[in-house]
């Protein structure tokens, strides 16, 4: 019974994390982090996203909001990619997209690179 419950919880987590990973916000944020020279310098390449992201996304048609904390890592270290975005009229606007490097707590702003 315990094994069945653990498998059920793992299945639910897989569905939730998979849904969050498939969002435009997640995909855009990860792509920017992987392409940013300062993030590559701090973490090394290749940069990978971690398994257990946290936060929330809520999309209802052409509007929505997202607030995510995505663990990322590279050969030189680890960090967290923080993303806050709002969707209006079908378009995402990022109010915050920063990578905080673990250990040094250096913050690299990726919002300045936003394509409008």
PDB file of N, CA and C in Angstrom:
ATOM      1  N   UNK A   1       0.813  -1.188   0.000  1.00  0.00           N
ATOM      2  CA  UNK A   1       0.000   0.000   0.000  1.00  0.00           C
ATOM      3  C   UNK A   1       0.869   1.270   0.000  1.00  0.00           C
ATOM      4  N   UNK A   2       1.942   1.267   0.765  1.00  0.00           N
ATOM      5  CA  UNK A   2       2.845   2.427   0.828  1.00  0.00           C
ATOM      6  C   UNK A   2       3.510   2.657  -0.522  1.00  0.00           C
ATOM      7  N   UNK A   3       3.915   1.581  -1.183  1.00  0.00           N
ATOM      8  CA  UNK A   3       4.553   1.707  -2.490  1.00  0.00           C
ATOM      9  C   UNK A   3       3.563   2.260  -3.512  1.00  0.00           C
ATOM     10  N   UNK A   4       2.328   1.821  -3.457  1.00  0.00           N
ATOM     11  CA  UNK A   4       1.298   2.311  -4.363  1.00  0.00           C
ATOM     12  C   UNK A   4       1.051   3.807  -4.130  1.00  0.00           C
ATOM     13  N   UNK A   5       0.983   4.231  -2.874  1.00  0.00           N
ATOM     14  CA  UNK A   5       0.798   5.644  -2.551  1.00  0.00           C
ATOM     15  C   UNK A   5       1.980   6.479  -3.050  1.00  0.00           C
ATOM     16  N   UNK A   6       3.204   5.997  -2.843  1.00  0.00           N
ATOM     17  CA  UNK A   6       4.398   6.715  -3.305  1.00  0.00           C
ATOM     18  C   UNK A   6       4.397   6.837  -4.829  1.00  0.00           C
ATOM     19  N   UNK A   7       3.989   5.787  -5.522  1.00  0.00           N
ATOM     20  CA  UNK A   7       3.919   5.826  -6.981  1.00  0.00           C
ATOM     21  C   UNK A   7       2.866   6.830  -7.440  1.00  0.00           C
ATOM     22  N   UNK A   8       1.733   6.890  -6.730  1.00  0.00           N
ATOM     23  CA  UNK A   8       0.683   7.841  -7.067  1.00  0.00           C
ATOM     24  C   UNK A   8       1.169   9.286  -6.883  1.00  0.00           C
ATOM     25  N   UNK A   9       1.846   9.555  -5.782  1.00  0.00           N
ATOM     26  CA  UNK A   9       2.381  10.902  -5.521  1.00  0.00           C
ATOM     27  C   UNK A   9       3.413  11.266  -6.593  1.00  0.00           C
ATOM     28  N   UNK A  10       4.290  10.338  -6.936  1.00  0.00           N
ATOM     29  CA  UNK A  10       5.293  10.590  -7.977  1.00  0.00           C
ATOM     30  C   UNK A  10       4.629  10.875  -9.318  1.00  0.00           C
ATOM     31  N   UNK A  11       3.574  10.156  -9.630  1.00  0.00           N
ATOM     32  CA  UNK A  11       2.838  10.361 -10.882  1.00  0.00           C
ATOM     33  C   UNK A  11       2.212  11.757 -10.928  1.00  0.00           C
ATOM     34  N   UNK A  12       1.603  12.180  -9.828  1.00  0.00           N
ATOM     35  CA  UNK A  12       0.990  13.512  -9.756  1.00  0.00           C
ATOM     36  C   UNK A  12       2.063  14.587  -9.906  1.00  0.00           C
ATOM     37  N   UNK A  13       3.199  14.430  -9.235  1.00  0.00           N
ATOM     38  CA  UNK A  13       4.297  15.394  -9.343  1.00  0.00           C
ATOM     39  C   UNK A  13       4.807  15.473 -10.776  1.00  0.00           C
ATOM     40  N   UNK A  14       4.922  14.349 -11.432  1.00  0.00           N
ATOM     41  CA  UNK A  14       5.369  14.307 -12.824  1.00  0.00           C
ATOM     42  C   UNK A  14       4.414  15.087 -13.723  1.00  0.00           C
ATOM     43  N   UNK A  15       3.138  14.938 -13.515  1.00  0.00           N
ATOM     44  CA  UNK A  15       2.142  15.660 -14.318  1.00  0.00           C
ATOM     45  C   UNK A  15       2.234  17.163 -14.059  1.00  0.00           C
ATOM     46  N   UNK A  16       2.305  17.564 -12.794  1.00  0.00           N
ATOM     47  CA  UNK A  16       2.346  18.987 -12.451  1.00  0.00           C
ATOM     48  C   UNK A  16       3.618  19.637 -12.989  1.00  0.00           C
ATOM     49  N   UNK A  17       4.778  19.030 -12.713  1.00  0.00           N
ATOM     50  CA  UNK A  17       6.037  19.601 -13.188  1.00  0.00           C
ATOM     51  C   UNK A  17       6.100  19.604 -14.714  1.00  0.00           C
ATOM     52  N   UNK A  18       5.565  18.577 -15.338  1.00  0.00           N
ATOM     53  CA  UNK A  18       5.535  18.526 -16.798  1.00  0.00           C
ATOM     54  C   UNK A  18       4.688  19.641 -17.381  1.00  0.00           C
ATOM     55  N   UNK A  19       3.564  19.921 -16.747  1.00  0.00           N
ATOM     56  CA  UNK A  19       2.700  21.009 -17.218  1.00  0.00           C
ATOM     57  C   UNK A  19       3.394  22.351 -17.067  1.00  0.00           C
ATOM     58  N   UNK A  20       4.082  22.570 -15.954  1.00  0.00           N
ATOM     59  CA  UNK A  20       4.783  23.838 -15.748  1.00  0.00           C
ATOM     60  C   UNK A  20       5.946  23.988 -16.729  1.00  0.00           C
ATOM     61  N   UNK A  21       6.627  22.890 -17.020  1.00  0.00           N
ATOM     62  CA  UNK A  21       7.758  22.928 -17.957  1.00  0.00           C
ATOM     63  C   UNK A  21       7.306  23.214 -19.389  1.00  0.00           C
ATOM     64  N   UNK A  22       6.085  22.910 -19.712  1.00  0.00           N
ATOM     65  CA  UNK A  22       5.608  23.113 -21.083  1.00  0.00           C
ATOM     66  C   UNK A  22       5.108  24.537 -21.333  1.00  0.00           C
ATOM     67  N   UNK A  23       5.078  25.384 -20.313  1.00  0.00           N
ATOM     68  CA  UNK A  23       4.577  26.747 -20.501  1.00  0.00           C
ATOM     69  C   UNK A  23       5.573  27.605 -21.274  1.00  0.00           C
ATOM     70  N   UNK A  24       5.043  28.625 -21.945  1.00  0.00           N
ATOM     71  CA  UNK A  24       5.886  29.581 -22.666  1.00  0.00           C
ATOM     72  C   UNK A  24       6.849  30.287 -21.723  1.00  0.00           C
ATOM     73  N   UNK A  25       6.385  30.604 -20.519  1.00  0.00           N
ATOM     74  CA  UNK A  25       7.223  31.315 -19.550  1.00  0.00           C
ATOM     75  C   UNK A  25       8.452  30.476 -19.197  1.00  0.00           C
ATOM     76  N   UNK A  26       8.254  29.211 -18.876  1.00  0.00           N
ATOM     77  CA  UNK A  26       9.367  28.330 -18.534  1.00  0.00           C
ATOM     78  C   UNK A  26      10.333  28.210 -19.710  1.00  0.00           C
ATOM     79  N   UNK A  27       9.813  27.940 -20.893  1.00  0.00           N
ATOM     80  CA  UNK A  27      10.654  27.741 -22.072  1.00  0.00           C
ATOM     81  C   UNK A  27      11.473  28.987 -22.398  1.00  0.00           C
ATOM     82  N   UNK A  28      10.837  30.161 -22.333  1.00  0.00           N
ATOM     83  CA  UNK A  28      11.534  31.415 -22.617  1.00  0.00           C
ATOM     84  C   UNK A  28      12.625  31.678 -21.590  1.00  0.00           C
ATOM     85  N   UNK A  29      12.302  31.492 -20.316  1.00  0.00           N
ATOM     86  CA  UNK A  29      13.273  31.755 -19.250  1.00  0.00           C
ATOM     87  C   UNK A  29      14.484  30.841 -19.357  1.00  0.00           C
ATOM     88  N   UNK A  30      14.268  29.567 -19.586  1.00  0.00           N
ATOM     89  CA  UNK A  30      15.383  28.620 -19.704  1.00  0.00           C
ATOM     90  C   UNK A  30      16.234  28.952 -20.921  1.00  0.00           C
ATOM     91  N   UNK A  31      15.600  29.288 -22.034  1.00  0.00           N
ATOM     92  CA  UNK A  31      16.354  29.637 -23.242  1.00  0.00           C
ATOM     93  C   UNK A  31      17.226  30.862 -23.002  1.00  0.00           C
ATOM     94  N   UNK A  32      16.696  31.869 -22.320  1.00  0.00           N
ATOM     95  CA  UNK A  32      17.486  33.073 -22.037  1.00  0.00           C
ATOM     96  C   UNK A  32      18.656  32.774 -21.108  1.00  0.00           C
ATOM     97  N   UNK A  33      18.413  31.962 -20.087  1.00  0.00           N
ATOM     98  CA  UNK A  33      19.491  31.617 -19.158  1.00  0.00           C
ATOM     99  C   UNK A  33      20.598  30.851 -19.876  1.00  0.00           C
ATOM    100  N   UNK A  34      20.232  29.920 -20.739  1.00  0.00           N
ATOM    101  CA  UNK A  34      21.225  29.120 -21.462  1.00  0.00           C
ATOM    102  C   UNK A  34      22.019  29.941 -22.467  1.00  0.00           C
ATOM    103  N   UNK A  35      21.448  31.055 -22.940  1.00  0.00           N
ATOM    104  CA  UNK A  35      22.110  31.882 -23.950  1.00  0.00           C
ATOM    105  C   UNK A  35      22.854  33.082 -23.359  1.00  0.00           C
ATOM    106  N   UNK A  36      22.644  33.379 -22.073  1.00  0.00           N
ATOM    107  CA  UNK A  36      23.228  34.577 -21.477  1.00  0.00           C
ATOM    108  C   UNK A  36      24.703  34.355 -21.127  1.00  0.00           C
ATOM    109  N   UNK A  37      25.609  35.206 -21.649  1.00  0.00           N
ATOM    110  CA  UNK A  37      27.046  35.037 -21.394  1.00  0.00           C
ATOM    111  C   UNK A  37      27.424  35.093 -19.911  1.00  0.00           C
ATOM    112  N   UNK A  38      26.761  35.944 -19.127  1.00  0.00           N
ATOM    113  CA  UNK A  38      27.090  36.045 -17.703  1.00  0.00           C
ATOM    114  C   UNK A  38      26.685  34.783 -16.949  1.00  0.00           C
ATOM    115  N   UNK A  39      25.558  34.191 -17.317  1.00  0.00           N
ATOM    116  CA  UNK A  39      25.114  32.945 -16.677  1.00  0.00           C
ATOM    117  C   UNK A  39      26.052  31.807 -17.070  1.00  0.00           C
ATOM    118  N   UNK A  40      26.423  31.760 -18.339  1.00  0.00           N
ATOM    119  CA  UNK A  40      27.357  30.726 -18.808  1.00  0.00           C
ATOM    120  C   UNK A  40      28.695  30.868 -18.090  1.00  0.00           C
ATOM    121  N   UNK A  41      29.173  32.093 -17.914  1.00  0.00           N
ATOM    122  CA  UNK A  41      30.434  32.332 -17.211  1.00  0.00           C
ATOM    123  C   UNK A  41      30.352  31.853 -15.765  1.00  0.00           C
ATOM    124  N   UNK A  42      29.232  32.116 -15.101  1.00  0.00           N
ATOM    125  CA  UNK A  42      29.081  31.754 -13.692  1.00  0.00           C
ATOM    126  C   UNK A  42      28.862  30.259 -13.476  1.00  0.00           C
ATOM    127  N   UNK A  43      28.065  29.621 -14.351  1.00  0.00           N
ATOM    128  CA  UNK A  43      27.685  28.220 -14.138  1.00  0.00           C
ATOM    129  C   UNK A  43      28.383  27.235 -15.070  1.00  0.00           C
ATOM    130  N   UNK A  44      28.935  27.729 -16.157  1.00  0.00           N
ATOM    131  CA  UNK A  44      29.524  26.839 -17.150  1.00  0.00           C
ATOM    132  C   UNK A  44      28.468  26.377 -18.140  1.00  0.00           C
ATOM    133  N   UNK A  45      28.914  25.619 -19.119  1.00  0.00           N
ATOM    134  CA  UNK A  45      28.015  25.133 -20.154  1.00  0.00           C
ATOM    135  C   UNK A  45      28.241  23.636 -20.336  1.00  0.00           C
ATOM    136  N   UNK A  46      27.214  22.860 -20.487  1.00  0.00           N
ATOM    137  CA  UNK A  46      25.813  23.210 -20.710  1.00  0.00           C
ATOM    138  C   UNK A  46      25.085  23.513 -19.392  1.00  0.00           C
ATOM    139  N   UNK A  47      24.074  24.343 -19.490  1.00  0.00           N
ATOM    140  CA  UNK A  47      23.222  24.665 -18.355  1.00  0.00           C
ATOM    141  C   UNK A  47      21.989  23.781 -18.438  1.00  0.00           C
ATOM    142  N   UNK A  48      21.654  23.164 -17.316  1.00  0.00           N
ATOM    143  CA  UNK A  48      20.500  22.265 -17.261  1.00  0.00           C
ATOM    144  C   UNK A  48      19.523  22.755 -16.209  1.00  0.00           C
ATOM    145  N   UNK A  49      18.230  22.537 -16.457  1.00  0.00           N
ATOM    146  CA  UNK A  49      17.235  22.878 -15.448  1.00  0.00           C
ATOM    147  C   UNK A  49      17.058  21.696 -14.511  1.00  0.00           C
ATOM    148  N   UNK A  50      16.791  22.005 -13.244  1.00  0.00           N
ATOM    149  CA  UNK A  50      16.621  20.975 -12.227  1.00  0.00           C
ATOM    150  C   UNK A  50      15.242  20.350 -12.265  1.00  0.00           C
ATOM    151  N   UNK A  51      15.083  19.323 -11.494  1.00  0.00           N
ATOM    152  CA  UNK A  51      13.850  18.545 -11.500  1.00  0.00           C
ATOM    153  C   UNK A  51      12.707  19.229 -10.760  1.00  0.00           C
ATOM    154  N   UNK A  52      12.977  19.820  -9.600  1.00  0.00           N
ATOM    155  CA  UNK A  52      11.916  20.308  -8.728  1.00  0.00           C
ATOM    156  C   UNK A  52      11.775  21.819  -8.772  1.00  0.00           C
ATOM    157  N   UNK A  53      11.062  22.330  -9.781  1.00  0.00           N
ATOM    158  CA  UNK A  53      10.792  23.756  -9.822  1.00  0.00           C
ATOM    159  C   UNK A  53       9.624  24.059  -8.893  1.00  0.00           C
ATOM    160  N   UNK A  54       9.501  25.322  -8.502  1.00  0.00           N
ATOM    161  CA  UNK A  54       8.397  25.699  -7.629  1.00  0.00           C
ATOM    162  C   UNK A  54       7.758  26.972  -8.154  1.00  0.00           C
ATOM    163  N   UNK A  55       6.572  27.261  -7.645  1.00  0.00           N
ATOM    164  CA  UNK A  55       5.856  28.450  -8.057  1.00  0.00           C
ATOM    165  C   UNK A  55       4.506  28.094  -8.630  1.00  0.00           C
ATOM    166  N   UNK A  56       3.995  29.026  -9.438  1.00  0.00           N
ATOM    167  CA  UNK A  56       2.663  28.794  -9.998  1.00  0.00           C
ATOM    168  C   UNK A  56       2.518  29.480 -11.348  1.00  0.00           C
ATOM    169  N   UNK A  57       1.644  28.927 -12.150  1.00  0.00           N
ATOM    170  CA  UNK A  57       1.233  29.556 -13.402  1.00  0.00           C
ATOM    171  C   UNK A  57      -0.281  29.459 -13.472  1.00  0.00           C
ATOM    172  N   UNK A  58      -0.890  30.490 -13.996  1.00  0.00           N
ATOM    173  CA  UNK A  58      -2.334  30.505 -14.163  1.00  0.00           C
ATOM    174  C   UNK A  58      -2.628  31.226 -15.475  1.00  0.00           C
ATOM    175  N   UNK A  59      -3.132  30.489 -16.439  1.00  0.00           N
ATOM    176  CA  UNK A  59      -3.451  31.067 -17.738  1.00  0.00           C
ATOM    177  C   UNK A  59      -4.916  30.813 -18.019  1.00  0.00           C
ATOM    178  N   UNK A  60      -5.606  31.877 -18.431  1.00  0.00           N
ATOM    179  CA  UNK A  60      -7.009  31.781 -18.778  1.00  0.00           C
ATOM    180  C   UNK A  60      -7.203  32.515 -20.094  1.00  0.00           C
ATOM    181  N   UNK A  61      -7.090  31.781 -21.189  1.00  0.00           N
ATOM    182  CA  UNK A  61      -7.221  32.389 -22.511  1.00  0.00           C
ATOM    183  C   UNK A  61      -6.056  33.314 -22.811  1.00  0.00           C
ATOM    184  N   UNK A  62      -6.359  34.588 -23.051  1.00  0.00           N
ATOM    185  CA  UNK A  62      -5.332  35.553 -23.437  1.00  0.00           C
ATOM    186  C   UNK A  62      -4.707  36.261 -22.248  1.00  0.00           C
ATOM    187  N   UNK A  63      -5.056  35.860 -21.022  1.00  0.00           N
ATOM    188  CA  UNK A  63      -4.474  36.491 -19.843  1.00  0.00           C
ATOM    189  C   UNK A  63      -3.943  35.433 -18.887  1.00  0.00           C
ATOM    190  N   UNK A  64      -3.068  35.882 -18.003  1.00  0.00           N
ATOM    191  CA  UNK A  64      -2.529  34.956 -17.019  1.00  0.00           C
ATOM    192  C   UNK A  64      -1.386  35.574 -16.243  1.00  0.00           C
ATOM    193  N   UNK A  65      -0.843  34.775 -15.326  1.00  0.00           N
ATOM    194  CA  UNK A  65       0.322  35.192 -14.563  1.00  0.00           C
ATOM    195  C   UNK A  65       1.161  33.976 -14.213  1.00  0.00           C
ATOM    196  N   UNK A  66       2.448  34.238 -13.987  1.00  0.00           N
ATOM    197  CA  UNK A  66       3.370  33.172 -13.633  1.00  0.00           C
ATOM    198  C   UNK A  66       4.385  33.715 -12.639  1.00  0.00           C
ATOM    199  N   UNK A  67       4.755  32.881 -11.674  1.00  0.00           N
ATOM    200  CA  UNK A  67       5.775  33.204 -10.683  1.00  0.00           C
ATOM    201  C   UNK A  67       6.513  31.898 -10.398  1.00  0.00           C
ATOM    202  N   UNK A  68       7.704  31.757 -10.976  1.00  0.00           N
ATOM    203  CA  UNK A  68       8.430  30.491 -10.909  1.00  0.00           C
ATOM    204  C   UNK A  68       9.825  30.658 -10.312  1.00  0.00           C
ATOM    205  N   UNK A  69      10.281  29.619  -9.645  1.00  0.00           N
ATOM    206  CA  UNK A  69      11.663  29.495  -9.195  1.00  0.00           C
ATOM    207  C   UNK A  69      12.172  28.180  -9.784  1.00  0.00           C
ATOM    208  N   UNK A  70      13.142  28.289 -10.694  1.00  0.00           N
ATOM    209  CA  UNK A  70      13.617  27.129 -11.445  1.00  0.00           C
ATOM    210  C   UNK A  70      15.078  26.861 -11.079  1.00  0.00           C
ATOM    211  N   UNK A  71      15.384  25.704 -10.480  1.00  0.00           N
ATOM    212  CA  UNK A  71      16.783  25.399 -10.201  1.00  0.00           C
ATOM    213  C   UNK A  71      17.523  25.102 -11.513  1.00  0.00           C
ATOM    214  N   UNK A  72      18.714  25.685 -11.658  1.00  0.00           N
ATOM    215  CA  UNK A  72      19.539  25.421 -12.837  1.00  0.00           C
ATOM    216  C   UNK A  72      20.952  25.109 -12.365  1.00  0.00           C
ATOM    217  N   UNK A  73      21.707  24.429 -13.216  1.00  0.00           N
ATOM    218  CA  UNK A  73      23.084  24.097 -12.859  1.00  0.00           C
ATOM    219  C   UNK A  73      23.923  23.908 -14.106  1.00  0.00           C
ATOM    220  N   UNK A  74      25.215  24.030 -13.897  1.00  0.00           N
ATOM    221  CA  UNK A  74      26.196  23.798 -14.941  1.00  0.00           C
ATOM    222  C   UNK A  74      27.419  23.158 -14.298  1.00  0.00           C
ATOM    223  N   UNK A  75      28.451  22.905 -15.078  1.00  0.00           N
ATOM    224  CA  UNK A  75      29.647  22.259 -14.544  1.00  0.00           C
ATOM    225  C   UNK A  75      30.350  23.069 -13.444  1.00  0.00           C
ATOM    226  N   UNK A  76      30.145  24.386 -13.424  1.00  0.00           N
ATOM    227  CA  UNK A  76      30.839  25.239 -12.459  1.00  0.00           C
ATOM    228  C   UNK A  76      30.011  25.598 -11.230  1.00  0.00           C
ATOM    229  N   UNK A  77      28.724  25.285 -11.234  1.00  0.00           N
ATOM    230  CA  UNK A  77      27.911  25.641 -10.076  1.00  0.00           C
ATOM    231  C   UNK A  77      26.422  25.525 -10.306  1.00  0.00           C
ATOM    232  N   UNK A  78      25.684  26.009  -9.293  1.00  0.00           N
ATOM    233  CA  UNK A  78      24.221  25.940  -9.307  1.00  0.00           C
ATOM    234  C   UNK A  78      23.643  27.327  -9.088  1.00  0.00           C
ATOM    235  N   UNK A  79      22.378  27.465  -9.443  1.00  0.00           N
ATOM    236  CA  UNK A  79      21.677  28.718  -9.230  1.00  0.00           C
ATOM    237  C   UNK A  79      20.181  28.505  -9.315  1.00  0.00           C
ATOM    238  N   UNK A  80      19.460  29.598  -9.147  1.00  0.00           N
ATOM    239  CA  UNK A  80      18.003  29.576  -9.259  1.00  0.00           C
ATOM    240  C   UNK A  80      17.582  30.676 -10.214  1.00  0.00           C
ATOM    241  N   UNK A  81      16.746  30.315 -11.156  1.00  0.00           N
ATOM    242  CA  UNK A  81      16.190  31.251 -12.124  1.00  0.00           C
ATOM    243  C   UNK A  81      14.804  31.654 -11.631  1.00  0.00           C
ATOM    244  N   UNK A  82      14.646  32.941 -11.300  1.00  0.00           N
ATOM    245  CA  UNK A  82      13.371  33.466 -10.828  1.00  0.00           C
ATOM    246  C   UNK A  82      12.680  34.202 -11.976  1.00  0.00           C
ATOM    247  N   UNK A  83      11.399  33.909 -12.169  1.00  0.00           N
ATOM    248  CA  UNK A  83      10.639  34.513 -13.263  1.00  0.00           C
ATOM    249  C   UNK A  83       9.278  34.967 -12.741  1.00  0.00           C
ATOM    250  N   UNK A  84       8.946  36.233 -13.022  1.00  0.00           N
ATOM    251  CA  UNK A  84       7.617  36.765 -12.725  1.00  0.00           C
ATOM    252  C   UNK A  84       7.118  37.381 -14.023  1.00  0.00           C
ATOM    253  N   UNK A  85       5.934  36.947 -14.468  1.00  0.00           N
ATOM    254  CA  UNK A  85       5.409  37.422 -15.744  1.00  0.00           C
ATOM    255  C   UNK A  85       3.891  37.542 -15.682  1.00  0.00           C
ATOM    256  N   UNK A  86       3.373  38.413 -16.542  1.00  0.00           N
ATOM    257  CA  UNK A  86       1.933  38.609 -16.676  1.00  0.00           C
ATOM    258  C   UNK A  86       1.598  38.511 -18.160  1.00  0.00           C
ATOM    259  N   UNK A  87       0.505  37.832 -18.455  1.00  0.00           N
ATOM    260  CA  UNK A  87       0.051  37.706 -19.837  1.00  0.00           C
ATOM    261  C   UNK A  87      -1.195  38.565 -20.017  1.00  0.00           C
ATOM    262  N   UNK A  88      -1.123  39.471 -20.983  1.00  0.00           N
ATOM    263  CA  UNK A  88      -2.269  40.325 -21.306  1.00  0.00           C
ATOM    264  C   UNK A  88      -2.392  40.401 -22.821  1.00  0.00           C
ATOM    265  N   UNK A  89      -3.601  40.310 -23.315  1.00  0.00           N
ATOM    266  CA  UNK A  89      -3.867  40.349 -24.754  1.00  0.00           C
ATOM    267  C   UNK A  89      -3.031  39.304 -25.501  1.00  0.00           C
ATOM    268  N   UNK A  90      -2.831  38.159 -24.868  1.00  0.00           N
ATOM    269  CA  UNK A  90      -2.115  37.064 -25.504  1.00  0.00           C
ATOM    270  C   UNK A  90      -0.610  37.171 -25.513  1.00  0.00           C
ATOM    271  N   UNK A  91      -0.045  38.180 -24.847  1.00  0.00           N
ATOM    272  CA  UNK A  91       1.401  38.393 -24.863  1.00  0.00           C
ATOM    273  C   UNK A  91       1.966  38.424 -23.446  1.00  0.00           C
ATOM    274  N   UNK A  92       3.084  37.716 -23.229  1.00  0.00           N
ATOM    275  CA  UNK A  92       3.740  37.687 -21.921  1.00  0.00           C
ATOM    276  C   UNK A  92       4.638  38.901 -21.751  1.00  0.00           C
ATOM    277  N   UNK A  93       4.559  39.507 -20.574  1.00  0.00           N
ATOM    278  CA  UNK A  93       5.435  40.602 -20.189  1.00  0.00           C
ATOM    279  C   UNK A  93       6.156  40.171 -18.912  1.00  0.00           C
ATOM    280  N   UNK A  94       7.493  40.202 -18.935  1.00  0.00           N
ATOM    281  CA  UNK A  94       8.308  39.726 -17.816  1.00  0.00           C
ATOM    282  C   UNK A  94       8.729  40.895 -16.939  1.00  0.00           C
ATOM    283  N   UNK A  95       8.235  40.916 -15.701  1.00  0.00           N
ATOM    284  CA  UNK A  95       8.628  41.977 -14.772  1.00  0.00           C
ATOM    285  C   UNK A  95       9.904  41.605 -14.033  1.00  0.00           C
ATOM    286  N   UNK A  96      10.212  40.320 -13.953  1.00  0.00           N
ATOM    287  CA  UNK A  96      11.445  39.874 -13.312  1.00  0.00           C
ATOM    288  C   UNK A  96      11.897  38.574 -13.945  1.00  0.00           C
ATOM    289  N   UNK A  97      13.174  38.538 -14.286  1.00  0.00           N
ATOM    290  CA  UNK A  97      13.806  37.314 -14.762  1.00  0.00           C
ATOM    291  C   UNK A  97      15.274  37.421 -14.370  1.00  0.00           C
ATOM    292  N   UNK A  98      15.617  36.793 -13.248  1.00  0.00           N
ATOM    293  CA  UNK A  98      16.976  36.877 -12.726  1.00  0.00           C
ATOM    294  C   UNK A  98      17.482  35.502 -12.344  1.00  0.00           C
ATOM    295  N   UNK A  99      18.785  35.328 -12.463  1.00  0.00           N
ATOM    296  CA  UNK A  99      19.441  34.114 -11.996  1.00  0.00           C
ATOM    297  C   UNK A  99      20.241  34.482 -10.762  1.00  0.00           C
ATOM    298  N   UNK A 100      19.995  33.776  -9.671  1.00  0.00           N
ATOM    299  CA  UNK A 100      20.789  33.959  -8.460  1.00  0.00           C
ATOM    300  C   UNK A 100      21.749  32.781  -8.354  1.00  0.00           C
ATOM    301  N   UNK A 101      23.041  33.103  -8.322  1.00  0.00           N
ATOM    302  CA  UNK A 101      24.083  32.072  -8.255  1.00  0.00           C
ATOM    303  C   UNK A 101      24.200  31.587  -6.815  1.00  0.00           C
ATOM    304  N   UNK A 102      24.140  30.283  -6.614  1.00  0.00           N
ATOM    305  CA  UNK A 102      24.270  29.709  -5.274  1.00  0.00           C
ATOM    306  C   UNK A 102      25.672  29.984  -4.738  1.00  0.00           C
ATOM    307  N   UNK A 103      25.750  30.226  -3.458  1.00  0.00           N
ATOM    308  CA  UNK A 103      27.044  30.478  -2.830  1.00  0.00           C
ATOM    309  C   UNK A 103      27.392  31.953  -2.811  1.00  0.00           C
ATOM    310  N   UNK A 104      27.505  32.564  -3.968  1.00  0.00           N
ATOM    311  CA  UNK A 104      27.879  33.979  -4.045  1.00  0.00           C
ATOM    312  C   UNK A 104      26.671  34.900  -3.934  1.00  0.00           C
ATOM    313  N   UNK A 105      25.472  34.377  -4.215  1.00  0.00           N
ATOM    314  CA  UNK A 105      24.224  35.144  -4.238  1.00  0.00           C
ATOM    315  C   UNK A 105      24.257  36.281  -5.262  1.00  0.00           C
ATOM    316  N   UNK A 106      25.198  36.204  -6.218  1.00  0.00           N
ATOM    317  CA  UNK A 106      25.235  37.157  -7.331  1.00  0.00           C
ATOM    318  C   UNK A 106      23.936  37.009  -8.109  1.00  0.00           C
ATOM    319  N   UNK A 107      23.380  38.144  -8.540  1.00  0.00           N
ATOM    320  CA  UNK A 107      22.137  38.123  -9.317  1.00  0.00           C
ATOM    321  C   UNK A 107      22.408  38.662 -10.718  1.00  0.00           C
ATOM    322  N   UNK A 108      22.004  37.873 -11.704  1.00  0.00           N
ATOM    323  CA  UNK A 108      22.182  38.244 -13.107  1.00  0.00           C
ATOM    324  C   UNK A 108      20.797  38.523 -13.687  1.00  0.00           C
ATOM    325  N   UNK A 109      20.592  39.764 -14.124  1.00  0.00           N
ATOM    326  CA  UNK A 109      19.295  40.190 -14.636  1.00  0.00           C
ATOM    327  C   UNK A 109      19.150  39.788 -16.105  1.00  0.00           C
ATOM    328  N   UNK A 110      18.147  38.972 -16.393  1.00  0.00           N
ATOM    329  CA  UNK A 110      17.862  38.564 -17.767  1.00  0.00           C
ATOM    330  C   UNK A 110      16.702  39.362 -18.357  1.00  0.00           C
ATOM    331  N   UNK A 111      15.992  40.139 -17.550  1.00  0.00           N
ATOM    332  CA  UNK A 111      14.853  40.936 -18.032  1.00  0.00           C
ATOM    333  C   UNK A 111      15.301  42.004 -19.001  1.00  0.00           C
ATOM    334  N   UNK A 112      16.521  42.525 -18.834  1.00  0.00           N
ATOM    335  CA  UNK A 112      17.020  43.578 -19.715  1.00  0.00           C
ATOM    336  C   UNK A 112      17.157  43.078 -21.142  1.00  0.00           C
ATOM    337  N   UNK A 113      17.213  41.765 -21.322  1.00  0.00           N
ATOM    338  CA  UNK A 113      17.387  41.179 -22.652  1.00  0.00           C
ATOM    339  C   UNK A 113      16.039  40.859 -23.310  1.00  0.00           C
ATOM    340  N   UNK A 114      14.939  41.335 -22.727  1.00  0.00           N
ATOM    341  CA  UNK A 114      13.612  40.973 -23.214  1.00  0.00           C
ATOM    342  C   UNK A 114      13.372  41.487 -24.629  1.00  0.00           C
ATOM    343  N   UNK A 115      12.868  40.596 -25.460  1.00  0.00           N
ATOM    344  CA  UNK A 115      12.479  40.953 -26.836  1.00  0.00           C
ATOM    345  C   UNK A 115      11.060  41.482 -26.774  1.00  0.00           C
ATOM    346  N   UNK A 116      10.836  42.657 -27.299  1.00  0.00           N
ATOM    347  CA  UNK A 116       9.476  43.227 -27.264  1.00  0.00           C
ATOM    348  C   UNK A 116       8.880  43.210 -28.640  1.00  0.00           C
TER     349      UNK A 116
END
